[in-house]
């Protein structure tokens, strides 16, 4: 069994890897540019 320190280090490493993954994926697919409607209204 792994030590408590090793477990913690692994958890922290995985957290760093996952940071912002969903947000970045959403930006890639949908883009961050606001639509014409939002910017200028109807």
Protein backbone atom coordinates (compact mmCIF):
# COMPACT_ATOMS: atom_id res chain seq x y z
CA UNK A 1 0.00 0.00 0.00
CA UNK A 2 1.25 3.47 -0.85
CA UNK A 3 2.16 5.90 1.91
CA UNK A 4 -0.13 8.81 2.77
CA UNK A 5 2.40 11.24 1.34
CA UNK A 6 2.58 9.40 -2.00
CA UNK A 7 -1.23 9.33 -2.24
CA UNK A 8 -1.42 13.06 -1.55
CA UNK A 9 1.27 13.85 -4.09
CA UNK A 10 -0.59 11.86 -6.73
CA UNK A 11 -3.91 13.58 -5.94
CA UNK A 12 -2.26 17.00 -6.21
CA UNK A 13 -0.58 16.06 -9.50
CA UNK A 14 -3.89 14.89 -10.98
CA UNK A 15 -5.62 18.07 -9.81
CA UNK A 16 -3.02 20.20 -11.57
CA UNK A 17 -3.41 18.18 -14.75
CA UNK A 18 -7.22 18.51 -14.73
CA UNK A 19 -7.37 22.24 -13.97
CA UNK A 20 -9.46 24.07 -16.48
CA UNK A 21 -9.82 21.09 -18.81
CA UNK A 22 -13.61 21.42 -19.20
CA UNK A 23 -13.46 25.20 -19.58
CA UNK A 24 -10.71 25.00 -22.19
CA UNK A 25 -12.57 22.28 -24.12
CA UNK A 26 -15.71 24.43 -24.10
CA UNK A 27 -13.74 27.40 -25.40
CA UNK A 28 -12.31 25.26 -28.19
CA UNK A 29 -15.70 24.01 -29.34
CA UNK A 30 -17.92 27.02 -28.69
CA UNK A 31 -15.38 29.83 -28.79
CA UNK A 32 -15.24 32.86 -26.51
CA UNK A 33 -16.52 35.44 -28.97
CA UNK A 34 -19.85 36.89 -27.93
CA UNK A 35 -22.66 36.65 -30.46
CA UNK A 36 -23.86 39.62 -32.50
CA UNK A 37 -27.17 39.51 -30.62
CA UNK A 38 -25.48 39.82 -27.21
CA UNK A 39 -23.19 42.61 -28.32
CA UNK A 40 -25.64 44.78 -30.25
CA UNK A 41 -29.08 43.52 -29.27
CA UNK A 42 -31.78 42.77 -31.83
